[in-house]
PDB file of N, CA and C in Angstrom:
ATOM      1  N   MET A   1      82.945  15.633  63.247  1.00  0.00           N
ATOM      2  CA  MET A   1      81.717  14.855  63.200  1.00  0.00           C
ATOM      3  C   MET A   1      81.975  13.478  62.603  1.00  0.00           C
ATOM      4  N   LYS A   2      82.733  13.454  61.519  1.00  0.00           N
ATOM      5  CA  LYS A   2      83.003  12.180  60.856  1.00  0.00           C
ATOM      6  C   LYS A   2      83.817  11.252  61.760  1.00  0.00           C
ATOM      7  N   LYS A   3      84.763  11.825  62.507  1.00  0.00           N
ATOM      8  CA  LYS A   3      85.584  11.016  63.407  1.00  0.00           C
ATOM      9  C   LYS A   3      84.725  10.358  64.483  1.00  0.00           C
ATOM     10  N   GLU A   4      83.746  11.096  64.996  1.00  0.00           N
ATOM     11  CA  GLU A   4      82.871  10.530  66.023  1.00  0.00           C
ATOM     12  C   GLU A   4      82.094   9.340  65.474  1.00  0.00           C
ATOM     13  N   ASN A   5      81.606   9.453  64.252  1.00  0.00           N
ATOM     14  CA  ASN A   5      80.866   8.352  63.647  1.00  0.00           C
ATOM     15  C   ASN A   5      81.757   7.132  63.475  1.00  0.00           C
ATOM     16  N   THR A   6      82.989   7.354  63.032  1.00  0.00           N
ATOM     17  CA  THR A   6      83.935   6.249  62.865  1.00  0.00           C
ATOM     18  C   THR A   6      84.212   5.595  64.211  1.00  0.00           C
ATOM     19  N   LYS A   7      84.388   6.417  65.240  1.00  0.00           N
ATOM     20  CA  LYS A   7      84.653   5.893  66.584  1.00  0.00           C
ATOM     21  C   LYS A   7      83.468   5.067  67.076  1.00  0.00           C
ATOM     22  N   GLU A   8      82.258   5.559  66.838  1.00  0.00           N
ATOM     23  CA  GLU A   8      81.068   4.824  67.263  1.00  0.00           C
ATOM     24  C   GLU A   8      80.973   3.475  66.563  1.00  0.00           C
ATOM     25  N   VAL A   9      81.277   3.458  65.274  1.00  0.00           N
ATOM     26  CA  VAL A   9      81.229   2.205  64.514  1.00  0.00           C
ATOM     27  C   VAL A   9      82.259   1.230  65.058  1.00  0.00           C
ATOM     28  N   LEU A  10      83.464   1.709  65.341  1.00  0.00           N
ATOM     29  CA  LEU A  10      84.509   0.837  65.893  1.00  0.00           C
ATOM     30  C   LEU A  10      84.092   0.297  67.253  1.00  0.00           C
ATOM     31  N   MET A  11      83.496   1.143  68.077  1.00  0.00           N
ATOM     32  CA  MET A  11      83.069   0.695  69.402  1.00  0.00           C
ATOM     33  C   MET A  11      81.973  -0.353  69.294  1.00  0.00           C
ATOM     34  N   GLU A  12      81.055  -0.190  68.347  1.00  0.00           N
ATOM     35  CA  GLU A  12      80.004  -1.191  68.151  1.00  0.00           C
ATOM     36  C   GLU A  12      80.611  -2.513  67.705  1.00  0.00           C
ATOM     37  N   GLY A  13      81.592  -2.458  66.814  1.00  0.00           N
ATOM     38  CA  GLY A  13      82.269  -3.673  66.362  1.00  0.00           C
ATOM     39  C   GLY A  13      82.939  -4.393  67.512  1.00  0.00           C
ATOM     40  N   GLU A  14      83.589  -3.620  68.387  1.00  0.00           N
ATOM     41  CA  GLU A  14      84.234  -4.212  69.558  1.00  0.00           C
ATOM     42  C   GLU A  14      83.202  -4.848  70.475  1.00  0.00           C
ATOM     43  N   PHE A  15      82.058  -4.189  70.624  1.00  0.00           N
ATOM     44  CA  PHE A  15      81.006  -4.730  71.489  1.00  0.00           C
ATOM     45  C   PHE A  15      80.557  -6.097  70.997  1.00  0.00           C
ATOM     46  N   PHE A  16      80.292  -6.213  69.680  1.00  0.00           N
ATOM     47  CA  PHE A  16      79.821  -7.485  69.152  1.00  0.00           C
ATOM     48  C   PHE A  16      80.907  -8.547  69.211  1.00  0.00           C
ATOM     49  N   GLU A  17      82.166  -8.152  69.004  1.00  0.00           N
ATOM     50  CA  GLU A  17      83.258  -9.123  69.113  1.00  0.00           C
ATOM     51  C   GLU A  17      83.387  -9.589  70.557  1.00  0.00           C
ATOM     52  N   ASN A  18      83.296  -8.658  71.501  1.00  0.00           N
ATOM     53  CA  ASN A  18      83.355  -9.032  72.916  1.00  0.00           C
ATOM     54  C   ASN A  18      82.187  -9.929  73.288  1.00  0.00           C
ATOM     55  N   LYS A  19      81.012  -9.640  72.725  1.00  0.00           N
ATOM     56  CA  LYS A  19      79.837 -10.468  73.007  1.00  0.00           C
ATOM     57  C   LYS A  19      80.060 -11.886  72.494  1.00  0.00           C
ATOM     58  N   LYS A  20      80.636 -12.020  71.293  1.00  0.00           N
ATOM     59  CA  LYS A  20      80.927 -13.350  70.745  1.00  0.00           C
ATOM     60  C   LYS A  20      81.938 -14.071  71.621  1.00  0.00           C
ATOM     61  N   ASN A  21      82.964 -13.338  72.083  1.00  0.00           N
ATOM     62  CA  ASN A  21      83.974 -13.946  72.951  1.00  0.00           C
ATOM     63  C   ASN A  21      83.360 -14.408  74.267  1.00  0.00           C
ATOM     64  N   ARG A  22      82.462 -13.596  74.827  1.00  0.00           N
ATOM     65  CA  ARG A  22      81.796 -13.991  76.080  1.00  0.00           C
ATOM     66  C   ARG A  22      80.944 -15.232  75.877  1.00  0.00           C
ATOM     67  N   GLU A  23      80.214 -15.270  74.760  1.00  0.00           N
ATOM     68  CA  GLU A  23      79.370 -16.439  74.482  1.00  0.00           C
ATOM     69  C   GLU A  23      80.222 -17.690  74.318  1.00  0.00           C
ATOM     70  N   LYS A  24      81.345 -17.558  73.631  1.00  0.00           N
ATOM     71  CA  LYS A  24      82.249 -18.695  73.446  1.00  0.00           C
ATOM     72  C   LYS A  24      82.804 -19.150  74.798  1.00  0.00           C
ATOM     73  N   LEU A  25      83.194 -18.189  75.637  1.00  0.00           N
ATOM     74  CA  LEU A  25      83.717 -18.517  76.960  1.00  0.00           C
ATOM     75  C   LEU A  25      82.662 -19.238  77.792  1.00  0.00           C
ATOM     76  N   ILE A  26      81.441 -18.753  77.764  1.00  0.00           N
ATOM     77  CA  ILE A  26      80.365 -19.378  78.543  1.00  0.00           C
ATOM     78  C   ILE A  26      80.142 -20.813  78.095  1.00  0.00           C
ATOM     79  N   LYS A  27      80.114 -21.041  76.780  1.00  0.00           N
ATOM     80  CA  LYS A  27      79.933 -22.406  76.269  1.00  0.00           C
ATOM     81  C   LYS A  27      81.081 -23.305  76.710  1.00  0.00           C
ATOM     82  N   THR A  28      82.305 -22.783  76.638  1.00  0.00           N
ATOM     83  CA  THR A  28      83.476 -23.561  77.053  1.00  0.00           C
ATOM     84  C   THR A  28      83.401 -23.892  78.537  1.00  0.00           C
ATOM     85  N   LEU A  29      83.027 -22.916  79.349  1.00  0.00           N
ATOM     86  CA  LEU A  29      82.927 -23.149  80.792  1.00  0.00           C
ATOM     87  C   LEU A  29      81.851 -24.175  81.127  1.00  0.00           C
ATOM     88  N   ILE A  30      80.742 -24.135  80.417  1.00  0.00           N
ATOM     89  CA  ILE A  30      79.678 -25.120  80.650  1.00  0.00           C
ATOM     90  C   ILE A  30      80.183 -26.523  80.339  1.00  0.00           C
ATOM     91  N   ILE A  31      80.915 -26.665  79.241  1.00  0.00           N
ATOM     92  CA  ILE A  31      81.477 -27.977  78.887  1.00  0.00           C
ATOM     93  C   ILE A  31      82.413 -28.459  79.986  1.00  0.00           C
ATOM     94  N   HIS A  32      83.299 -27.559  80.461  1.00  0.00           N
ATOM     95  CA  HIS A  32      84.241 -27.947  81.517  1.00  0.00           C
ATOM     96  C   HIS A  32      83.510 -28.285  82.815  1.00  0.00           C
ATOM     97  N   LEU A  33      82.480 -27.530  83.144  1.00  0.00           N
ATOM     98  CA  LEU A  33      81.739 -27.812  84.381  1.00  0.00           C
ATOM     99  C   LEU A  33      81.006 -29.146  84.304  1.00  0.00           C
ATOM    100  N   ASN A  34      80.469 -29.464  83.144  1.00  0.00           N
ATOM    101  CA  ASN A  34      79.834 -30.776  82.976  1.00  0.00           C
ATOM    102  C   ASN A  34      80.862 -31.891  83.133  1.00  0.00           C
ATOM    103  N   SER A  35      82.046 -31.689  82.570  1.00  0.00           N
ATOM    104  CA  SER A  35      83.121 -32.675  82.730  1.00  0.00           C
ATOM    105  C   SER A  35      83.491 -32.814  84.200  1.00  0.00           C
ATOM    106  N   TYR A  36      83.531 -31.682  84.902  1.00  0.00           N
ATOM    107  CA  TYR A  36      83.865 -31.699  86.325  1.00  0.00           C
ATOM    108  C   TYR A  36      82.864 -32.552  87.102  1.00  0.00           C
ATOM    109  N   LEU A  37      81.599 -32.383  86.795  1.00  0.00           N
ATOM    110  CA  LEU A  37      80.562 -33.144  87.503  1.00  0.00           C
ATOM    111  C   LEU A  37      80.646 -34.639  87.207  1.00  0.00           C
ATOM    112  N   GLU A  38      81.130 -34.982  86.008  1.00  0.00           N
ATOM    113  CA  GLU A  38      81.234 -36.392  85.632  1.00  0.00           C
ATOM    114  C   GLU A  38      82.557 -37.025  86.068  1.00  0.00           C
ATOM    115  N   ALA A  39      83.523 -36.198  86.452  1.00  0.00           N
ATOM    116  CA  ALA A  39      84.839 -36.712  86.834  1.00  0.00           C
ATOM    117  C   ALA A  39      84.718 -37.581  88.082  1.00  0.00           C
ATOM    118  N   GLU A  40      85.460 -38.672  88.062  1.00  0.00           N
ATOM    119  CA  GLU A  40      85.352 -39.624  89.170  1.00  0.00           C
ATOM    120  C   GLU A  40      86.415 -39.429  90.242  1.00  0.00           C
ATOM    121  N   ASN A  41      87.555 -38.866  89.882  1.00  0.00           N
ATOM    122  CA  ASN A  41      88.583 -38.712  90.914  1.00  0.00           C
ATOM    123  C   ASN A  41      89.054 -37.261  91.011  1.00  0.00           C
ATOM    124  N   ASN A  42      89.745 -36.977  92.093  1.00  0.00           N
ATOM    125  CA  ASN A  42      90.164 -35.605  92.378  1.00  0.00           C
ATOM    126  C   ASN A  42      91.170 -35.070  91.368  1.00  0.00           C
ATOM    127  N   LEU A  43      92.041 -35.909  90.833  1.00  0.00           N
ATOM    128  CA  LEU A  43      93.028 -35.448  89.857  1.00  0.00           C
ATOM    129  C   LEU A  43      92.333 -34.921  88.604  1.00  0.00           C
ATOM    130  N   GLN A  44      91.323 -35.645  88.138  1.00  0.00           N
ATOM    131  CA  GLN A  44      90.560 -35.175  86.973  1.00  0.00           C
ATOM    132  C   GLN A  44      89.886 -33.844  87.281  1.00  0.00           C
ATOM    133  N   LYS A  45      89.318 -33.731  88.471  1.00  0.00           N
ATOM    134  CA  LYS A  45      88.632 -32.499  88.853  1.00  0.00           C
ATOM    135  C   LYS A  45      89.603 -31.324  88.907  1.00  0.00           C
ATOM    136  N   ILE A  46      90.785 -31.552  89.438  1.00  0.00           N
ATOM    137  CA  ILE A  46      91.787 -30.487  89.516  1.00  0.00           C
ATOM    138  C   ILE A  46      92.197 -30.034  88.119  1.00  0.00           C
ATOM    139  N   LYS A  47      92.411 -30.975  87.208  1.00  0.00           N
ATOM    140  CA  LYS A  47      92.789 -30.617  85.837  1.00  0.00           C
ATOM    141  C   LYS A  47      91.697 -29.791  85.164  1.00  0.00           C
ATOM    142  N   ILE A  48      90.456 -30.149  85.397  1.00  0.00           N
ATOM    143  CA  ILE A  48      89.336 -29.406  84.805  1.00  0.00           C
ATOM    144  C   ILE A  48      89.254 -28.005  85.406  1.00  0.00           C
ATOM    145  N   LEU A  49      89.451 -27.889  86.711  1.00  0.00           N
ATOM    146  CA  LEU A  49      89.438 -26.571  87.346  1.00  0.00           C
ATOM    147  C   LEU A  49      90.560 -25.686  86.814  1.00  0.00           C
ATOM    148  N   VAL A  50      91.705 -26.275  86.532  1.00  0.00           N
ATOM    149  CA  VAL A  50      92.821 -25.518  85.949  1.00  0.00           C
ATOM    150  C   VAL A  50      92.432 -24.996  84.568  1.00  0.00           C
ATOM    151  N   LYS A  51      91.774 -25.828  83.757  1.00  0.00           N
ATOM    152  CA  LYS A  51      91.321 -25.384  82.434  1.00  0.00           C
ATOM    153  C   LYS A  51      90.334 -24.228  82.557  1.00  0.00           C
ATOM    154  N   ILE A  52      89.415 -24.328  83.503  1.00  0.00           N
ATOM    155  CA  ILE A  52      88.439 -23.258  83.715  1.00  0.00           C
ATOM    156  C   ILE A  52      89.159 -21.967  84.100  1.00  0.00           C
ATOM    157  N   TYR A  53      90.092 -22.068  85.031  1.00  0.00           N
ATOM    158  CA  TYR A  53      90.849 -20.894  85.481  1.00  0.00           C
ATOM    159  C   TYR A  53      91.616 -20.262  84.323  1.00  0.00           C
ATOM    160  N   GLN A  54      92.250 -21.088  83.494  1.00  0.00           N
ATOM    161  CA  GLN A  54      93.014 -20.570  82.362  1.00  0.00           C
ATOM    162  C   GLN A  54      92.105 -19.849  81.369  1.00  0.00           C
ATOM    163  N   ASN A  55      90.926 -20.391  81.117  1.00  0.00           N
ATOM    164  CA  ASN A  55      89.985 -19.729  80.213  1.00  0.00           C
ATOM    165  C   ASN A  55      89.528 -18.387  80.772  1.00  0.00           C
ATOM    166  N   LEU A  56      89.302 -18.329  82.062  1.00  0.00           N
ATOM    167  CA  LEU A  56      88.895 -17.066  82.675  1.00  0.00           C
ATOM    168  C   LEU A  56      90.020 -16.038  82.622  1.00  0.00           C
ATOM    169  N   GLN A  57      91.263 -16.480  82.776  1.00  0.00           N
ATOM    170  CA  GLN A  57      92.406 -15.568  82.715  1.00  0.00           C
ATOM    171  C   GLN A  57      92.562 -14.957  81.327  1.00  0.00           C
ATOM    172  N   LYS A  58      92.259 -15.731  80.290  1.00  0.00           N
ATOM    173  CA  LYS A  58      92.374 -15.227  78.919  1.00  0.00           C
ATOM    174  C   LYS A  58      91.454 -14.038  78.690  1.00  0.00           C
ATOM    175  N   CYS A  59      90.311 -14.044  79.344  1.00  0.00           N
ATOM    176  CA  CYS A  59      89.297 -13.015  79.096  1.00  0.00           C
ATOM    177  C   CYS A  59      89.408 -11.821  80.025  1.00  0.00           C
ATOM    178  N   SER A  60      90.290 -11.879  81.023  1.00  0.00           N
ATOM    179  CA  SER A  60      90.373 -10.733  81.920  1.00  0.00           C
ATOM    180  C   SER A  60      91.418  -9.754  81.485  1.00  0.00           C
TER     181      SER A  60
END
């Protein structure tokens, strides 16, 4: 019984940590997407898309 409670607490902690990581990722992606929209040339846009892709890879 005690082990189950400990496991549940650990799982809840992981959930909140994952939620914080998702929120951080979303904020980062929004910043990059805004930069993408403001970019004037294709090279800048490609660099921003690479940053977005790298951030998504970190979370998968």
